[in-house]
Amino acid sequence: MPGTSREALMRDLQAVSFVLDDIALYLQTHPIDQAALRCYEKYRDLKRKAEEEYMNAYGPLREDNVFVTDRWTWADMPWPWERQG
């Protein structure tokens, strides 16, 4: 969502993550529930999209979101206060 605030993106990501965690807990006791499996896949995809949207706008969420090639690149990225917007 272009123009969405950082806080709103983070709230959306946290909400989707909560739902995904809740469904995962349910699936531990109901592993063959097809509706729950489809719901899990849906929210897993929504979480990936929300993470991607956040990272495109504000940078990585975790160190494993940084692509490491031949060196550690985390510190080369702009710090939050160096970003515009």
PDB file of N, CA and C in Angstrom:
ATOM      1  N   MET A   1       0.825  -1.178   0.000  1.00  0.00           N
ATOM      2  CA  MET A   1       0.000   0.000   0.000  1.00  0.00           C
ATOM      3  C   MET A   1       0.874   1.248   0.000  1.00  0.00           C
ATOM      4  N   PRO A   2       1.051   1.877  -1.129  1.00  0.00           N
ATOM      5  CA  PRO A   2       1.869   3.076  -1.182  1.00  0.00           C
ATOM      6  C   PRO A   2       1.330   4.147  -0.238  1.00  0.00           C
ATOM      7  N   GLY A   3       2.244   4.841   0.413  1.00  0.00           N
ATOM      8  CA  GLY A   3       1.849   5.905   1.312  1.00  0.00           C
ATOM      9  C   GLY A   3       1.453   5.435   2.700  1.00  0.00           C
ATOM     10  N   THR A   4       1.536   4.148   2.954  1.00  0.00           N
ATOM     11  CA  THR A   4       1.186   3.619   4.271  1.00  0.00           C
ATOM     12  C   THR A   4       2.313   3.940   5.243  1.00  0.00           C
ATOM     13  N   SER A   5       1.960   4.348   6.439  1.00  0.00           N
ATOM     14  CA  SER A   5       2.979   4.709   7.416  1.00  0.00           C
ATOM     15  C   SER A   5       3.725   3.471   7.913  1.00  0.00           C
ATOM     16  N   ARG A   6       4.907   3.736   8.403  1.00  0.00           N
ATOM     17  CA  ARG A   6       5.742   2.659   8.935  1.00  0.00           C
ATOM     18  C   ARG A   6       5.021   1.918  10.056  1.00  0.00           C
ATOM     19  N   GLU A   7       4.380   2.672  10.940  1.00  0.00           N
ATOM     20  CA  GLU A   7       3.680   2.060  12.065  1.00  0.00           C
ATOM     21  C   GLU A   7       2.518   1.192  11.598  1.00  0.00           C
ATOM     22  N   ALA A   8       1.795   1.655  10.590  1.00  0.00           N
ATOM     23  CA  ALA A   8       0.665   0.881  10.068  1.00  0.00           C
ATOM     24  C   ALA A   8       1.161  -0.409   9.407  1.00  0.00           C
ATOM     25  N   LEU A   9       2.253  -0.324   8.665  1.00  0.00           N
ATOM     26  CA  LEU A   9       2.813  -1.536   8.049  1.00  0.00           C
ATOM     27  C   LEU A   9       3.245  -2.532   9.116  1.00  0.00           C
ATOM     28  N   MET A  10       3.875  -2.029  10.179  1.00  0.00           N
ATOM     29  CA  MET A  10       4.318  -2.923  11.248  1.00  0.00           C
ATOM     30  C   MET A  10       3.126  -3.544  11.971  1.00  0.00           C
ATOM     31  N   ARG A  11       2.079  -2.766  12.211  1.00  0.00           N
ATOM     32  CA  ARG A  11       0.868  -3.313  12.857  1.00  0.00           C
ATOM     33  C   ARG A  11       0.265  -4.407  11.994  1.00  0.00           C
ATOM     34  N   ASP A  12       0.188  -4.176  10.675  1.00  0.00           N
ATOM     35  CA  ASP A  12      -0.348  -5.195   9.771  1.00  0.00           C
ATOM     36  C   ASP A  12       0.498  -6.455   9.814  1.00  0.00           C
ATOM     37  N   LEU A  13       1.802  -6.289   9.800  1.00  0.00           N
ATOM     38  CA  LEU A  13       2.704  -7.436   9.849  1.00  0.00           C
ATOM     39  C   LEU A  13       2.548  -8.198  11.162  1.00  0.00           C
ATOM     40  N   GLN A  14       2.427  -7.475  12.255  1.00  0.00           N
ATOM     41  CA  GLN A  14       2.248  -8.137  13.551  1.00  0.00           C
ATOM     42  C   GLN A  14       0.915  -8.882  13.620  1.00  0.00           C
ATOM     43  N   ALA A  15      -0.131  -8.305  13.065  1.00  0.00           N
ATOM     44  CA  ALA A  15      -1.444  -8.963  13.079  1.00  0.00           C
ATOM     45  C   ALA A  15      -1.412 -10.248  12.261  1.00  0.00           C
ATOM     46  N   VAL A  16      -0.832 -10.176  11.081  1.00  0.00           N
ATOM     47  CA  VAL A  16      -0.751 -11.364  10.225  1.00  0.00           C
ATOM     48  C   VAL A  16       0.114 -12.423  10.900  1.00  0.00           C
ATOM     49  N   SER A  17       1.206 -12.006  11.538  1.00  0.00           N
ATOM     50  CA  SER A  17       2.079 -12.956  12.237  1.00  0.00           C
ATOM     51  C   SER A  17       1.350 -13.641  13.390  1.00  0.00           C
ATOM     52  N   PHE A  18       0.536 -12.875  14.110  1.00  0.00           N
ATOM     53  CA  PHE A  18      -0.231 -13.447  15.214  1.00  0.00           C
ATOM     54  C   PHE A  18      -1.196 -14.515  14.706  1.00  0.00           C
ATOM     55  N   VAL A  19      -1.914 -14.198  13.639  1.00  0.00           N
ATOM     56  CA  VAL A  19      -2.867 -15.162  13.066  1.00  0.00           C
ATOM     57  C   VAL A  19      -2.125 -16.411  12.609  1.00  0.00           C
ATOM     58  N   LEU A  20      -0.992 -16.221  11.958  1.00  0.00           N
ATOM     59  CA  LEU A  20      -0.215 -17.357  11.466  1.00  0.00           C
ATOM     60  C   LEU A  20       0.261 -18.238  12.624  1.00  0.00           C
ATOM     61  N   ASP A  21       0.733 -17.624  13.694  1.00  0.00           N
ATOM     62  CA  ASP A  21       1.157 -18.394  14.867  1.00  0.00           C
ATOM     63  C   ASP A  21      -0.013 -19.157  15.485  1.00  0.00           C
ATOM     64  N   ASP A  22      -1.167 -18.511  15.544  1.00  0.00           N
ATOM     65  CA  ASP A  22      -2.353 -19.148  16.124  1.00  0.00           C
ATOM     66  C   ASP A  22      -2.788 -20.357  15.295  1.00  0.00           C
ATOM     67  N   ILE A  23      -2.780 -20.203  13.985  1.00  0.00           N
ATOM     68  CA  ILE A  23      -3.152 -21.321  13.108  1.00  0.00           C
ATOM     69  C   ILE A  23      -2.133 -22.447  13.242  1.00  0.00           C
ATOM     70  N   ALA A  24      -0.847 -22.104  13.358  1.00  0.00           N
ATOM     71  CA  ALA A  24       0.189 -23.130  13.516  1.00  0.00           C
ATOM     72  C   ALA A  24      -0.028 -23.923  14.802  1.00  0.00           C
ATOM     73  N   LEU A  25      -0.417 -23.238  15.875  1.00  0.00           N
ATOM     74  CA  LEU A  25      -0.712 -23.949  17.122  1.00  0.00           C
ATOM     75  C   LEU A  25      -1.896 -24.902  16.950  1.00  0.00           C
ATOM     76  N   TYR A  26      -2.934 -24.431  16.264  1.00  0.00           N
ATOM     77  CA  TYR A  26      -4.101 -25.277  16.015  1.00  0.00           C
ATOM     78  C   TYR A  26      -3.696 -26.508  15.197  1.00  0.00           C
ATOM     79  N   LEU A  27      -2.856 -26.299  14.193  1.00  0.00           N
ATOM     80  CA  LEU A  27      -2.450 -27.406  13.331  1.00  0.00           C
ATOM     81  C   LEU A  27      -1.609 -28.455  14.054  1.00  0.00           C
ATOM     82  N   GLN A  28      -1.007 -28.080  15.172  1.00  0.00           N
ATOM     83  CA  GLN A  28      -0.255 -29.072  15.940  1.00  0.00           C
ATOM     84  C   GLN A  28      -1.168 -30.159  16.493  1.00  0.00           C
ATOM     85  N   THR A  29      -2.419 -29.813  16.770  1.00  0.00           N
ATOM     86  CA  THR A  29      -3.359 -30.796  17.303  1.00  0.00           C
ATOM     87  C   THR A  29      -4.378 -31.261  16.261  1.00  0.00           C
ATOM     88  N   HIS A  30      -4.418 -30.586  15.102  1.00  0.00           N
ATOM     89  CA  HIS A  30      -5.353 -30.932  14.024  1.00  0.00           C
ATOM     90  C   HIS A  30      -4.616 -30.933  12.685  1.00  0.00           C
ATOM     91  N   PRO A  31      -3.607 -31.800  12.538  1.00  0.00           N
ATOM     92  CA  PRO A  31      -2.706 -31.729  11.377  1.00  0.00           C
ATOM     93  C   PRO A  31      -3.340 -32.058  10.028  1.00  0.00           C
ATOM     94  N   ILE A  32      -4.522 -32.658  10.020  1.00  0.00           N
ATOM     95  CA  ILE A  32      -5.123 -32.990   8.727  1.00  0.00           C
ATOM     96  C   ILE A  32      -6.324 -32.110   8.389  1.00  0.00           C
ATOM     97  N   ASP A  33      -6.531 -31.051   9.134  1.00  0.00           N
ATOM     98  CA  ASP A  33      -7.635 -30.124   8.878  1.00  0.00           C
ATOM     99  C   ASP A  33      -7.297 -29.312   7.621  1.00  0.00           C
ATOM    100  N   GLN A  34      -7.930 -29.691   6.511  1.00  0.00           N
ATOM    101  CA  GLN A  34      -7.626 -29.071   5.219  1.00  0.00           C
ATOM    102  C   GLN A  34      -7.959 -27.579   5.179  1.00  0.00           C
ATOM    103  N   ALA A  35      -9.040 -27.184   5.815  1.00  0.00           N
ATOM    104  CA  ALA A  35      -9.402 -25.759   5.838  1.00  0.00           C
ATOM    105  C   ALA A  35      -8.345 -24.959   6.594  1.00  0.00           C
ATOM    106  N   ALA A  36      -7.860 -25.503   7.696  1.00  0.00           N
ATOM    107  CA  ALA A  36      -6.825 -24.817   8.471  1.00  0.00           C
ATOM    108  C   ALA A  36      -5.516 -24.760   7.693  1.00  0.00           C
ATOM    109  N   LEU A  37      -5.195 -25.817   6.966  1.00  0.00           N
ATOM    110  CA  LEU A  37      -3.984 -25.818   6.142  1.00  0.00           C
ATOM    111  C   LEU A  37      -4.058 -24.745   5.054  1.00  0.00           C
ATOM    112  N   ARG A  38      -5.225 -24.634   4.416  1.00  0.00           N
ATOM    113  CA  ARG A  38      -5.401 -23.593   3.389  1.00  0.00           C
ATOM    114  C   ARG A  38      -5.307 -22.203   4.019  1.00  0.00           C
ATOM    115  N   CYS A  39      -5.882 -22.046   5.188  1.00  0.00           N
ATOM    116  CA  CYS A  39      -5.827 -20.770   5.904  1.00  0.00           C
ATOM    117  C   CYS A  39      -4.378 -20.433   6.266  1.00  0.00           C
ATOM    118  N   TYR A  40      -3.624 -21.421   6.711  1.00  0.00           N
ATOM    119  CA  TYR A  40      -2.211 -21.217   7.041  1.00  0.00           C
ATOM    120  C   TYR A  40      -1.440 -20.742   5.814  1.00  0.00           C
ATOM    121  N   GLU A  41      -1.654 -21.405   4.690  1.00  0.00           N
ATOM    122  CA  GLU A  41      -0.965 -21.019   3.450  1.00  0.00           C
ATOM    123  C   GLU A  41      -1.324 -19.597   3.037  1.00  0.00           C
ATOM    124  N   LYS A  42      -2.594 -19.244   3.189  1.00  0.00           N
ATOM    125  CA  LYS A  42      -3.044 -17.894   2.843  1.00  0.00           C
ATOM    126  C   LYS A  42      -2.330 -16.851   3.695  1.00  0.00           C
ATOM    127  N   TYR A  43      -2.301 -17.059   4.997  1.00  0.00           N
ATOM    128  CA  TYR A  43      -1.670 -16.087   5.881  1.00  0.00           C
ATOM    129  C   TYR A  43      -0.143 -16.124   5.789  1.00  0.00           C
ATOM    130  N   ARG A  44       0.419 -17.264   5.447  1.00  0.00           N
ATOM    131  CA  ARG A  44       1.862 -17.325   5.205  1.00  0.00           C
ATOM    132  C   ARG A  44       2.230 -16.435   4.019  1.00  0.00           C
ATOM    133  N   ASP A  45       1.425 -16.502   2.957  1.00  0.00           N
ATOM    134  CA  ASP A  45       1.650 -15.651   1.791  1.00  0.00           C
ATOM    135  C   ASP A  45       1.436 -14.179   2.124  1.00  0.00           C
ATOM    136  N   LEU A  46       0.400 -13.884   2.917  1.00  0.00           N
ATOM    137  CA  LEU A  46       0.162 -12.499   3.330  1.00  0.00           C
ATOM    138  C   LEU A  46       1.326 -11.959   4.165  1.00  0.00           C
ATOM    139  N   LYS A  47       1.899 -12.810   5.015  1.00  0.00           N
ATOM    140  CA  LYS A  47       3.030 -12.376   5.827  1.00  0.00           C
ATOM    141  C   LYS A  47       4.234 -12.090   4.950  1.00  0.00           C
ATOM    142  N   ARG A  48       4.494 -12.957   3.978  1.00  0.00           N
ATOM    143  CA  ARG A  48       5.619 -12.723   3.062  1.00  0.00           C
ATOM    144  C   ARG A  48       5.452 -11.405   2.311  1.00  0.00           C
ATOM    145  N   LYS A  49       4.231 -11.137   1.853  1.00  0.00           N
ATOM    146  CA  LYS A  49       3.973  -9.881   1.139  1.00  0.00           C
ATOM    147  C   LYS A  49       4.139  -8.681   2.067  1.00  0.00           C
ATOM    148  N   ALA A  50       3.652  -8.794   3.296  1.00  0.00           N
ATOM    149  CA  ALA A  50       3.774  -7.699   4.259  1.00  0.00           C
ATOM    150  C   ALA A  50       5.242  -7.449   4.605  1.00  0.00           C
ATOM    151  N   GLU A  51       6.013  -8.524   4.786  1.00  0.00           N
ATOM    152  CA  GLU A  51       7.444  -8.367   5.059  1.00  0.00           C
ATOM    153  C   GLU A  51       8.153  -7.702   3.884  1.00  0.00           C
ATOM    154  N   GLU A  52       7.822  -8.148   2.690  1.00  0.00           N
ATOM    155  CA  GLU A  52       8.442  -7.578   1.497  1.00  0.00           C
ATOM    156  C   GLU A  52       8.110  -6.088   1.366  1.00  0.00           C
ATOM    157  N   GLU A  53       6.861  -5.738   1.588  1.00  0.00           N
ATOM    158  CA  GLU A  53       6.443  -4.341   1.505  1.00  0.00           C
ATOM    159  C   GLU A  53       7.179  -3.492   2.545  1.00  0.00           C
ATOM    160  N   TYR A  54       7.269  -4.005   3.761  1.00  0.00           N
ATOM    161  CA  TYR A  54       7.961  -3.269   4.814  1.00  0.00           C
ATOM    162  C   TYR A  54       9.444  -3.113   4.476  1.00  0.00           C
ATOM    163  N   MET A  55      10.079  -4.205   4.058  1.00  0.00           N
ATOM    164  CA  MET A  55      11.511  -4.155   3.775  1.00  0.00           C
ATOM    165  C   MET A  55      11.828  -3.261   2.574  1.00  0.00           C
ATOM    166  N   ASN A  56      10.952  -3.241   1.588  1.00  0.00           N
ATOM    167  CA  ASN A  56      11.170  -2.360   0.446  1.00  0.00           C
ATOM    168  C   ASN A  56      11.117  -0.895   0.859  1.00  0.00           C
ATOM    169  N   ALA A  57      10.302  -0.601   1.836  1.00  0.00           N
ATOM    170  CA  ALA A  57      10.145   0.787   2.276  1.00  0.00           C
ATOM    171  C   ALA A  57      11.140   1.181   3.366  1.00  0.00           C
ATOM    172  N   TYR A  58      11.464   0.241   4.283  1.00  0.00           N
ATOM    173  CA  TYR A  58      12.215   0.625   5.477  1.00  0.00           C
ATOM    174  C   TYR A  58      13.457  -0.209   5.757  1.00  0.00           C
ATOM    175  N   GLY A  59      13.758  -1.182   4.942  1.00  0.00           N
ATOM    176  CA  GLY A  59      14.943  -1.999   5.159  1.00  0.00           C
ATOM    177  C   GLY A  59      14.617  -3.316   5.835  1.00  0.00           C
ATOM    178  N   PRO A  60      15.648  -4.108   6.093  1.00  0.00           N
ATOM    179  CA  PRO A  60      15.447  -5.459   6.631  1.00  0.00           C
ATOM    180  C   PRO A  60      14.844  -5.464   8.029  1.00  0.00           C
ATOM    181  N   LEU A  61      14.071  -6.493   8.296  1.00  0.00           N
ATOM    182  CA  LEU A  61      13.469  -6.686   9.609  1.00  0.00           C
ATOM    183  C   LEU A  61      14.386  -7.480  10.536  1.00  0.00           C
ATOM    184  N   ARG A  62      15.160  -8.375   9.963  1.00  0.00           N
ATOM    185  CA  ARG A  62      16.064  -9.241  10.729  1.00  0.00           C
ATOM    186  C   ARG A  62      17.350  -9.394   9.920  1.00  0.00           C
ATOM    187  N   GLU A  63      18.371  -9.878  10.608  1.00  0.00           N
ATOM    188  CA  GLU A  63      19.649 -10.061   9.917  1.00  0.00           C
ATOM    189  C   GLU A  63      19.565 -11.121   8.825  1.00  0.00           C
ATOM    190  N   ASP A  64      18.630 -12.067   8.932  1.00  0.00           N
ATOM    191  CA  ASP A  64      18.532 -13.086   7.886  1.00  0.00           C
ATOM    192  C   ASP A  64      17.792 -12.574   6.648  1.00  0.00           C
ATOM    193  N   ASN A  65      17.337 -11.308   6.678  1.00  0.00           N
ATOM    194  CA  ASN A  65      16.747 -10.696   5.497  1.00  0.00           C
ATOM    195  C   ASN A  65      17.791  -9.986   4.645  1.00  0.00           C
ATOM    196  N   VAL A  66      19.036 -10.009   5.091  1.00  0.00           N
ATOM    197  CA  VAL A  66      20.121  -9.382   4.349  1.00  0.00           C
ATOM    198  C   VAL A  66      20.773 -10.454   3.497  1.00  0.00           C
ATOM    199  N   PHE A  67      20.964 -10.143   2.238  1.00  0.00           N
ATOM    200  CA  PHE A  67      21.579 -11.107   1.336  1.00  0.00           C
ATOM    201  C   PHE A  67      23.094 -11.051   1.500  1.00  0.00           C
ATOM    202  N   VAL A  68      23.666 -12.131   1.972  1.00  0.00           N
ATOM    203  CA  VAL A  68      25.098 -12.195   2.209  1.00  0.00           C
ATOM    204  C   VAL A  68      25.746 -12.870   1.015  1.00  0.00           C
ATOM    205  N   THR A  69      26.746 -12.204   0.483  1.00  0.00           N
ATOM    206  CA  THR A  69      27.481 -12.787  -0.638  1.00  0.00           C
ATOM    207  C   THR A  69      28.875 -13.127  -0.146  1.00  0.00           C
ATOM    208  N   ASP A  70      29.814 -12.221  -0.345  1.00  0.00           N
ATOM    209  CA  ASP A  70      31.179 -12.484   0.089  1.00  0.00           C
ATOM    210  C   ASP A  70      31.556 -11.688   1.339  1.00  0.00           C
ATOM    211  N   ARG A  71      30.592 -10.936   1.877  1.00  0.00           N
ATOM    212  CA  ARG A  71      30.854 -10.152   3.074  1.00  0.00           C
ATOM    213  C   ARG A  71      29.543  -9.802   3.764  1.00  0.00           C
ATOM    214  N   TRP A  72      29.646  -9.383   5.003  1.00  0.00           N
ATOM    215  CA  TRP A  72      28.489  -8.989   5.795  1.00  0.00           C
ATOM    216  C   TRP A  72      28.058  -7.600   5.344  1.00  0.00           C
ATOM    217  N   THR A  73      26.783  -7.460   4.919  1.00  0.00           N
ATOM    218  CA  THR A  73      26.332  -6.202   4.324  1.00  0.00           C
ATOM    219  C   THR A  73      25.380  -5.407   5.204  1.00  0.00           C
ATOM    220  N   TRP A  74      25.041  -5.916   6.360  1.00  0.00           N
ATOM    221  CA  TRP A  74      24.047  -5.270   7.215  1.00  0.00           C
ATOM    222  C   TRP A  74      24.421  -3.817   7.507  1.00  0.00           C
ATOM    223  N   ALA A  75      25.646  -3.569   7.878  1.00  0.00           N
ATOM    224  CA  ALA A  75      26.058  -2.224   8.277  1.00  0.00           C
ATOM    225  C   ALA A  75      26.195  -1.271   7.094  1.00  0.00           C
ATOM    226  N   ASP A  76      26.220  -1.789   5.878  1.00  0.00           N
ATOM    227  CA  ASP A  76      26.328  -0.940   4.687  1.00  0.00           C
ATOM    228  C   ASP A  76      25.005  -0.291   4.316  1.00  0.00           C
ATOM    229  N   MET A  77      23.916  -0.800   4.831  1.00  0.00           N
ATOM    230  CA  MET A  77      22.601  -0.283   4.488  1.00  0.00           C
ATOM    231  C   MET A  77      22.334   1.003   5.255  1.00  0.00           C
ATOM    232  N   PRO A  78      21.437   1.854   4.735  1.00  0.00           N
ATOM    233  CA  PRO A  78      21.131   3.091   5.459  1.00  0.00           C
ATOM    234  C   PRO A  78      20.496   2.791   6.824  1.00  0.00           C
ATOM    235  N   TRP A  79      20.891   3.560   7.805  1.00  0.00           N
ATOM    236  CA  TRP A  79      20.300   3.440   9.124  1.00  0.00           C
ATOM    237  C   TRP A  79      18.926   4.064   9.091  1.00  0.00           C
ATOM    238  N   PRO A  80      18.011   3.702  10.005  1.00  0.00           N
ATOM    239  CA  PRO A  80      16.633   4.228   9.949  1.00  0.00           C
ATOM    240  C   PRO A  80      16.576   5.751   9.878  1.00  0.00           C
ATOM    241  N   TRP A  81      17.444   6.449  10.567  1.00  0.00           N
ATOM    242  CA  TRP A  81      17.400   7.907  10.556  1.00  0.00           C
ATOM    243  C   TRP A  81      18.011   8.494   9.288  1.00  0.00           C
ATOM    244  N   GLU A  82      18.654   7.651   8.473  1.00  0.00           N
ATOM    245  CA  GLU A  82      19.226   8.115   7.211  1.00  0.00           C
ATOM    246  C   GLU A  82      18.246   7.972   6.053  1.00  0.00           C
ATOM    247  N   ARG A  83      17.141   7.327   6.282  1.00  0.00           N
ATOM    248  CA  ARG A  83      16.140   7.131   5.224  1.00  0.00           C
ATOM    249  C   ARG A  83      15.270   8.369   5.110  1.00  0.00           C
ATOM    250  N   GLN A  84      14.856   8.616   3.896  1.00  0.00           N
ATOM    251  CA  GLN A  84      13.955   9.744   3.686  1.00  0.00           C
ATOM    252  C   GLN A  84      12.515   9.250   3.773  1.00  0.00           C
ATOM    253  N   GLY A  85      11.636  10.106   4.194  1.00  0.00           N
ATOM    254  CA  GLY A  85      10.217   9.747   4.195  1.00  0.00           C
ATOM    255  C   GLY A  85       9.678   9.468   5.485  1.00  0.00           C
TER     256      GLY A  85
END
